[in-house]
Amino acid sequence: MARPIRILVAKAGLDGHDRGAKVIARALRDAGFEVIYTGLHQTPEQVVEAAIQEDVDGIGLSVLSGAHMTLFPRIKELLDKDGASDVVLFGGGTIPNEDIEALREAGVAAVFTPGAPIAGIVDFVRRECGKRVEV
């Protein structure tokens, strides 16, 4: 029997709004994934350290502060530097459509904007993060 998919739901930076992150964390848990929530005000270094310690398959980063063009690339850079480039980085929040392609090019696997169907996020996690479980 394969182990459950493990996801770290993270809030990085000074963003103090976490209702959306908690909704996603609960939806992922209800879908059968193991979910670790970091809490508010984490640094990118803390997020990556927790991801490695918890041996997660994916990081779901919630950004509402406007710092998405800094936080996502920094977390991806740290994952690569720490030998965890196979951890799937995805996320969402108030991210303008014109920034999504640049984030994808920076290594973010998917960006979910407000109103994205939870079922679509669950399907993405099952499909993309599940690849690490199958290895």
N, C-alpha and C. Protein backbone atom coordinates (compact mmCIF):
# COMPACT_ATOMS: atom_id res chain seq x y z
N MET A 1 0.83 -1.18 0.00
CA MET A 1 0.00 0.00 0.00
C MET A 1 0.88 1.25 0.00
N ALA A 2 0.60 2.15 -0.90
CA ALA A 2 1.37 3.39 -1.00
C ALA A 2 1.05 4.31 0.17
N ARG A 3 2.02 5.09 0.56
CA ARG A 3 1.78 6.06 1.64
C ARG A 3 0.93 7.20 1.11
N PRO A 4 0.26 7.92 2.01
CA PRO A 4 -0.54 9.07 1.57
C PRO A 4 0.35 10.18 1.01
N ILE A 5 -0.20 10.96 0.12
CA ILE A 5 0.47 12.15 -0.37
C ILE A 5 0.55 13.15 0.78
N ARG A 6 1.73 13.76 0.96
CA ARG A 6 1.96 14.71 2.04
C ARG A 6 2.13 16.11 1.46
N ILE A 7 1.34 17.06 1.98
CA ILE A 7 1.36 18.43 1.47
C ILE A 7 1.60 19.39 2.63
N LEU A 8 2.50 20.34 2.40
CA LEU A 8 2.72 21.43 3.34
C LEU A 8 1.97 22.64 2.82
N VAL A 9 1.05 23.16 3.60
CA VAL A 9 0.34 24.39 3.26
C VAL A 9 1.03 25.50 4.03
N ALA A 10 1.48 26.53 3.31
CA ALA A 10 2.33 27.54 3.92
C ALA A 10 1.82 28.95 3.67
N LYS A 11 2.06 29.80 4.65
CA LYS A 11 1.84 31.24 4.55
C LYS A 11 3.20 31.89 4.82
N ALA A 12 3.76 32.52 3.81
CA ALA A 12 5.07 33.13 3.97
C ALA A 12 4.95 34.65 3.96
N GLY A 13 5.88 35.29 4.61
CA GLY A 13 5.92 36.75 4.60
C GLY A 13 4.99 37.36 5.64
N LEU A 14 4.63 38.60 5.41
CA LEU A 14 3.87 39.36 6.40
C LEU A 14 2.36 39.22 6.26
N ASP A 15 1.92 38.45 5.30
CA ASP A 15 0.50 38.23 5.05
C ASP A 15 -0.16 37.61 6.29
N GLY A 16 -1.17 38.26 6.82
CA GLY A 16 -1.82 37.78 8.03
C GLY A 16 -3.18 37.14 7.79
N HIS A 17 -3.55 36.92 6.56
CA HIS A 17 -4.87 36.37 6.24
C HIS A 17 -4.72 34.90 5.83
N ASP A 18 -5.28 34.00 6.62
CA ASP A 18 -5.05 32.58 6.32
C ASP A 18 -6.33 31.76 6.17
N ARG A 19 -7.48 32.40 6.06
CA ARG A 19 -8.72 31.63 5.92
C ARG A 19 -8.67 30.73 4.69
N GLY A 20 -8.22 31.27 3.55
CA GLY A 20 -8.14 30.48 2.33
C GLY A 20 -7.19 29.30 2.47
N ALA A 21 -6.05 29.53 3.10
CA ALA A 21 -5.08 28.45 3.31
C ALA A 21 -5.69 27.35 4.18
N LYS A 22 -6.45 27.76 5.19
CA LYS A 22 -7.08 26.76 6.07
C LYS A 22 -8.17 26.00 5.34
N VAL A 23 -8.91 26.67 4.46
CA VAL A 23 -9.95 25.99 3.66
C VAL A 23 -9.29 24.94 2.76
N ILE A 24 -8.20 25.32 2.10
CA ILE A 24 -7.50 24.38 1.21
C ILE A 24 -6.90 23.24 2.02
N ALA A 25 -6.29 23.55 3.16
CA ALA A 25 -5.71 22.49 4.00
C ALA A 25 -6.78 21.48 4.41
N ARG A 26 -7.92 21.96 4.80
CA ARG A 26 -9.00 21.05 5.21
C ARG A 26 -9.51 20.23 4.01
N ALA A 27 -9.66 20.86 2.86
CA ALA A 27 -10.13 20.15 1.67
C ALA A 27 -9.14 19.06 1.27
N LEU A 28 -7.85 19.35 1.34
CA LEU A 28 -6.85 18.35 1.01
C LEU A 28 -6.86 17.21 2.02
N ARG A 29 -7.00 17.55 3.29
CA ARG A 29 -7.10 16.52 4.32
C ARG A 29 -8.32 15.65 4.09
N ASP A 30 -9.45 16.28 3.79
CA ASP A 30 -10.69 15.52 3.56
C ASP A 30 -10.59 14.63 2.34
N ALA A 31 -9.69 14.99 1.40
CA ALA A 31 -9.48 14.18 0.19
C ALA A 31 -8.52 13.02 0.45
N GLY A 32 -8.01 12.92 1.68
CA GLY A 32 -7.16 11.79 2.03
C GLY A 32 -5.67 12.07 2.06
N PHE A 33 -5.29 13.31 1.87
CA PHE A 33 -3.87 13.66 1.93
C PHE A 33 -3.46 13.97 3.36
N GLU A 34 -2.18 13.77 3.66
CA GLU A 34 -1.64 14.25 4.94
C GLU A 34 -1.27 15.71 4.73
N VAL A 35 -1.71 16.58 5.64
CA VAL A 35 -1.50 18.01 5.48
C VAL A 35 -0.81 18.57 6.72
N ILE A 36 0.23 19.34 6.48
CA ILE A 36 0.94 20.06 7.53
C ILE A 36 0.73 21.55 7.23
N TYR A 37 0.26 22.30 8.20
CA TYR A 37 0.06 23.74 8.02
C TYR A 37 1.10 24.48 8.85
N THR A 38 1.85 25.38 8.22
CA THR A 38 2.96 26.05 8.92
C THR A 38 2.52 27.18 9.83
N GLY A 39 1.33 27.72 9.61
CA GLY A 39 0.93 28.91 10.35
C GLY A 39 1.41 30.15 9.63
N LEU A 40 1.11 31.29 10.22
CA LEU A 40 1.40 32.57 9.60
C LEU A 40 2.85 33.00 9.76
N HIS A 41 3.25 33.94 8.89
CA HIS A 41 4.50 34.70 9.00
C HIS A 41 5.76 33.83 8.94
N GLN A 42 5.77 32.85 8.06
CA GLN A 42 6.95 32.01 7.89
C GLN A 42 7.89 32.63 6.86
N THR A 43 9.17 32.45 7.04
CA THR A 43 10.13 32.87 6.02
C THR A 43 10.21 31.77 4.97
N PRO A 44 10.66 32.08 3.77
CA PRO A 44 10.87 31.03 2.78
C PRO A 44 11.79 29.91 3.32
N GLU A 45 12.80 30.30 4.08
CA GLU A 45 13.72 29.31 4.65
C GLU A 45 12.99 28.38 5.60
N GLN A 46 12.09 28.92 6.42
CA GLN A 46 11.32 28.08 7.34
C GLN A 46 10.38 27.14 6.59
N VAL A 47 9.79 27.64 5.52
CA VAL A 47 8.88 26.81 4.72
C VAL A 47 9.64 25.63 4.13
N VAL A 48 10.78 25.89 3.53
CA VAL A 48 11.55 24.82 2.90
C VAL A 48 12.10 23.86 3.94
N GLU A 49 12.56 24.38 5.06
CA GLU A 49 13.06 23.52 6.13
C GLU A 49 11.96 22.58 6.62
N ALA A 50 10.75 23.10 6.82
CA ALA A 50 9.63 22.27 7.26
C ALA A 50 9.28 21.23 6.20
N ALA A 51 9.31 21.63 4.93
CA ALA A 51 8.99 20.70 3.84
C ALA A 51 9.97 19.54 3.81
N ILE A 52 11.24 19.83 3.99
CA ILE A 52 12.25 18.77 3.98
C ILE A 52 12.13 17.90 5.22
N GLN A 53 11.95 18.50 6.38
CA GLN A 53 11.81 17.73 7.61
C GLN A 53 10.59 16.81 7.57
N GLU A 54 9.51 17.30 6.98
CA GLU A 54 8.26 16.53 6.93
C GLU A 54 8.20 15.60 5.72
N ASP A 55 9.21 15.64 4.85
CA ASP A 55 9.28 14.81 3.65
C ASP A 55 7.99 14.90 2.83
N VAL A 56 7.63 16.15 2.50
CA VAL A 56 6.39 16.36 1.78
C VAL A 56 6.58 16.16 0.27
N ASP A 57 5.47 15.94 -0.39
CA ASP A 57 5.46 15.77 -1.84
C ASP A 57 5.16 17.08 -2.54
N GLY A 58 4.55 18.02 -1.82
CA GLY A 58 4.21 19.29 -2.41
C GLY A 58 4.09 20.38 -1.37
N ILE A 59 4.29 21.61 -1.83
CA ILE A 59 4.09 22.80 -1.00
C ILE A 59 3.02 23.63 -1.67
N GLY A 60 1.96 23.92 -0.93
CA GLY A 60 0.92 24.83 -1.38
C GLY A 60 1.10 26.16 -0.67
N LEU A 61 1.54 27.17 -1.40
CA LEU A 61 1.83 28.47 -0.81
C LEU A 61 0.68 29.43 -1.08
N SER A 62 0.17 30.04 -0.03
CA SER A 62 -0.90 31.03 -0.14
C SER A 62 -0.31 32.42 0.02
N VAL A 63 -0.53 33.28 -0.99
CA VAL A 63 0.02 34.62 -0.96
C VAL A 63 -1.08 35.63 -1.28
N LEU A 64 -1.38 36.47 -0.31
CA LEU A 64 -2.36 37.54 -0.50
C LEU A 64 -1.73 38.91 -0.38
N SER A 65 -0.44 38.96 -0.08
CA SER A 65 0.23 40.21 0.24
C SER A 65 0.79 40.96 -0.95
N GLY A 66 0.79 40.34 -2.12
CA GLY A 66 1.41 40.97 -3.28
C GLY A 66 2.88 40.62 -3.45
N ALA A 67 3.42 39.80 -2.57
CA ALA A 67 4.83 39.42 -2.62
C ALA A 67 5.08 38.12 -3.38
N HIS A 68 4.13 37.71 -4.21
CA HIS A 68 4.23 36.42 -4.90
C HIS A 68 5.43 36.33 -5.83
N MET A 69 5.83 37.44 -6.45
CA MET A 69 6.96 37.40 -7.38
C MET A 69 8.31 37.29 -6.66
N THR A 70 8.30 37.46 -5.36
CA THR A 70 9.50 37.27 -4.53
C THR A 70 9.45 35.93 -3.81
N LEU A 71 8.31 35.62 -3.18
CA LEU A 71 8.22 34.44 -2.32
C LEU A 71 8.28 33.13 -3.10
N PHE A 72 7.51 33.00 -4.17
CA PHE A 72 7.51 31.75 -4.92
C PHE A 72 8.91 31.42 -5.48
N PRO A 73 9.55 32.37 -6.20
CA PRO A 73 10.88 32.05 -6.73
C PRO A 73 11.91 31.75 -5.64
N ARG A 74 11.81 32.44 -4.51
CA ARG A 74 12.77 32.18 -3.42
C ARG A 74 12.58 30.78 -2.86
N ILE A 75 11.36 30.36 -2.67
CA ILE A 75 11.11 29.00 -2.15
C ILE A 75 11.60 27.97 -3.16
N LYS A 76 11.34 28.18 -4.44
CA LYS A 76 11.82 27.24 -5.47
C LYS A 76 13.34 27.19 -5.47
N GLU A 77 13.98 28.35 -5.37
CA GLU A 77 15.44 28.41 -5.32
C GLU A 77 15.99 27.61 -4.13
N LEU A 78 15.37 27.76 -2.97
CA LEU A 78 15.82 27.03 -1.78
C LEU A 78 15.56 25.53 -1.91
N LEU A 79 14.44 25.15 -2.49
CA LEU A 79 14.18 23.72 -2.71
C LEU A 79 15.26 23.11 -3.59
N ASP A 80 15.59 23.80 -4.67
CA ASP A 80 16.63 23.30 -5.58
C ASP A 80 17.98 23.22 -4.89
N LYS A 81 18.32 24.26 -4.13
CA LYS A 81 19.61 24.33 -3.43
C LYS A 81 19.73 23.21 -2.38
N ASP A 82 18.61 22.87 -1.74
CA ASP A 82 18.64 21.88 -0.68
C ASP A 82 18.35 20.46 -1.17
N GLY A 83 18.40 20.25 -2.47
CA GLY A 83 18.23 18.91 -3.02
C GLY A 83 16.79 18.40 -3.01
N ALA A 84 15.84 19.32 -2.98
CA ALA A 84 14.43 18.92 -2.93
C ALA A 84 13.68 19.46 -4.15
N SER A 85 14.34 19.47 -5.29
CA SER A 85 13.73 20.04 -6.49
C SER A 85 12.53 19.24 -6.98
N ASP A 86 12.38 18.00 -6.48
CA ASP A 86 11.22 17.19 -6.89
C ASP A 86 9.96 17.49 -6.08
N VAL A 87 10.06 18.32 -5.05
CA VAL A 87 8.87 18.75 -4.31
C VAL A 87 8.09 19.71 -5.20
N VAL A 88 6.82 19.42 -5.40
CA VAL A 88 5.97 20.22 -6.28
C VAL A 88 5.56 21.50 -5.56
N LEU A 89 5.89 22.63 -6.15
CA LEU A 89 5.51 23.93 -5.59
C LEU A 89 4.31 24.46 -6.37
N PHE A 90 3.23 24.71 -5.64
CA PHE A 90 2.03 25.27 -6.24
C PHE A 90 1.45 26.27 -5.25
N GLY A 91 0.45 27.01 -5.67
CA GLY A 91 -0.11 27.95 -4.72
C GLY A 91 -1.21 28.79 -5.32
N GLY A 92 -1.57 29.78 -4.54
CA GLY A 92 -2.65 30.63 -4.99
C GLY A 92 -2.75 31.86 -4.13
N GLY A 93 -3.79 32.63 -4.42
CA GLY A 93 -4.02 33.88 -3.72
C GLY A 93 -4.38 34.96 -4.71
N THR A 94 -4.17 36.18 -4.30
CA THR A 94 -4.49 37.32 -5.16
C THR A 94 -3.29 37.59 -6.05
N ILE A 95 -3.23 36.83 -7.12
CA ILE A 95 -2.11 36.89 -8.05
C ILE A 95 -2.64 37.33 -9.41
N PRO A 96 -2.16 38.45 -9.91
CA PRO A 96 -2.65 38.93 -11.21
C PRO A 96 -2.36 37.92 -12.33
N ASN A 97 -3.28 37.81 -13.26
CA ASN A 97 -3.12 36.88 -14.38
C ASN A 97 -1.82 37.12 -15.13
N GLU A 98 -1.40 38.39 -15.23
CA GLU A 98 -0.19 38.68 -15.99
C GLU A 98 1.09 38.18 -15.31
N ASP A 99 1.02 37.78 -14.04
CA ASP A 99 2.19 37.25 -13.33
C ASP A 99 2.26 35.72 -13.36
N ILE A 100 1.20 35.08 -13.75
CA ILE A 100 1.14 33.61 -13.66
C ILE A 100 2.17 32.95 -14.55
N GLU A 101 2.33 33.40 -15.77
CA GLU A 101 3.31 32.76 -16.67
C GLU A 101 4.73 32.91 -16.14
N ALA A 102 5.07 34.07 -15.60
CA ALA A 102 6.41 34.26 -15.03
C ALA A 102 6.63 33.33 -13.84
N LEU A 103 5.60 33.12 -13.03
CA LEU A 103 5.73 32.19 -11.91
C LEU A 103 5.91 30.76 -12.42
N ARG A 104 5.18 30.39 -13.45
CA ARG A 104 5.33 29.05 -14.05
C ARG A 104 6.76 28.87 -14.56
N GLU A 105 7.29 29.88 -15.22
CA GLU A 105 8.66 29.82 -15.73
C GLU A 105 9.68 29.74 -14.59
N ALA A 106 9.33 30.25 -13.42
CA ALA A 106 10.20 30.19 -12.24
C ALA A 106 10.11 28.85 -11.52
N GLY A 107 9.25 27.96 -12.01
CA GLY A 107 9.17 26.63 -11.42
C GLY A 107 7.95 26.35 -10.60
N VAL A 108 6.99 27.25 -10.60
CA VAL A 108 5.74 27.01 -9.88
C VAL A 108 4.85 26.14 -10.77
N ALA A 109 4.44 24.99 -10.26
CA ALA A 109 3.72 24.01 -11.08
C ALA A 109 2.31 24.46 -11.43
N ALA A 110 1.66 25.20 -10.53
CA ALA A 110 0.30 25.67 -10.79
C ALA A 110 0.00 26.85 -9.88
N VAL A 111 -0.81 27.76 -10.41
CA VAL A 111 -1.27 28.92 -9.64
C VAL A 111 -2.79 28.93 -9.70
N PHE A 112 -3.41 28.92 -8.53
CA PHE A 112 -4.86 28.93 -8.41
C PHE A 112 -5.30 30.29 -7.88
N THR A 113 -6.12 30.98 -8.65
CA THR A 113 -6.58 32.30 -8.25
C THR A 113 -7.92 32.20 -7.52
N PRO A 114 -8.38 33.27 -6.89
CA PRO A 114 -9.65 33.22 -6.17
C PRO A 114 -10.78 32.68 -7.05
N GLY A 115 -11.56 31.81 -6.47
CA GLY A 115 -12.67 31.20 -7.19
C GLY A 115 -12.32 29.88 -7.86
N ALA A 116 -11.06 29.48 -7.81
CA ALA A 116 -10.67 28.19 -8.39
C ALA A 116 -11.44 27.08 -7.68
N PRO A 117 -11.98 26.13 -8.42
CA PRO A 117 -12.72 25.04 -7.79
C PRO A 117 -11.81 24.17 -6.91
N ILE A 118 -12.24 23.90 -5.72
CA ILE A 118 -11.45 23.07 -4.81
C ILE A 118 -11.20 21.70 -5.43
N ALA A 119 -12.19 21.16 -6.13
CA ALA A 119 -12.01 19.85 -6.77
C ALA A 119 -10.84 19.88 -7.76
N GLY A 120 -10.65 21.00 -8.45
CA GLY A 120 -9.54 21.12 -9.38
C GLY A 120 -8.19 21.13 -8.67
N ILE A 121 -8.15 21.76 -7.51
CA ILE A 121 -6.92 21.78 -6.72
C ILE A 121 -6.61 20.38 -6.20
N VAL A 122 -7.63 19.69 -5.71
CA VAL A 122 -7.45 18.31 -5.23
C VAL A 122 -6.97 17.42 -6.36
N ASP A 123 -7.57 17.54 -7.53
CA ASP A 123 -7.16 16.72 -8.68
C ASP A 123 -5.71 17.02 -9.06
N PHE A 124 -5.33 18.30 -9.05
CA PHE A 124 -3.95 18.67 -9.36
C PHE A 124 -2.99 18.00 -8.37
N VAL A 125 -3.28 18.12 -7.09
CA VAL A 125 -2.40 17.55 -6.07
C VAL A 125 -2.30 16.04 -6.24
N ARG A 126 -3.41 15.39 -6.45
CA ARG A 126 -3.41 13.93 -6.62
C ARG A 126 -2.55 13.54 -7.84
N ARG A 127 -2.71 14.26 -8.94
CA ARG A 127 -2.00 13.94 -10.17
C ARG A 127 -0.50 14.28 -10.09
N GLU A 128 -0.20 15.51 -9.68
CA GLU A 128 1.20 15.97 -9.75
C GLU A 128 2.03 15.56 -8.53
N CYS A 129 1.48 15.72 -7.34
CA CYS A 129 2.24 15.36 -6.13
C CYS A 129 2.26 13.85 -5.94
N GLY A 130 1.25 13.18 -6.47
CA GLY A 130 1.21 11.72 -6.38
C GLY A 130 2.34 11.05 -7.13
N LYS A 131 2.95 11.74 -8.07
CA LYS A 131 4.07 11.16 -8.82
C LYS A 131 5.24 10.82 -7.91
N ARG A 132 5.45 11.60 -6.84
CA ARG A 132 6.54 11.33 -5.89
C ARG A 132 6.27 10.09 -5.08
N VAL A 133 4.99 9.81 -4.82
CA VAL A 133 4.60 8.65 -4.01
C VAL A 133 4.80 7.37 -4.81
N GLU A 134 4.57 7.45 -6.11
CA GLU A 134 4.65 6.27 -6.97
C GLU A 134 6.07 5.80 -7.24
N VAL A 135 7.05 6.67 -6.98
CA VAL A 135 8.45 6.32 -7.29
C VAL A 135 8.94 5.20 -6.42
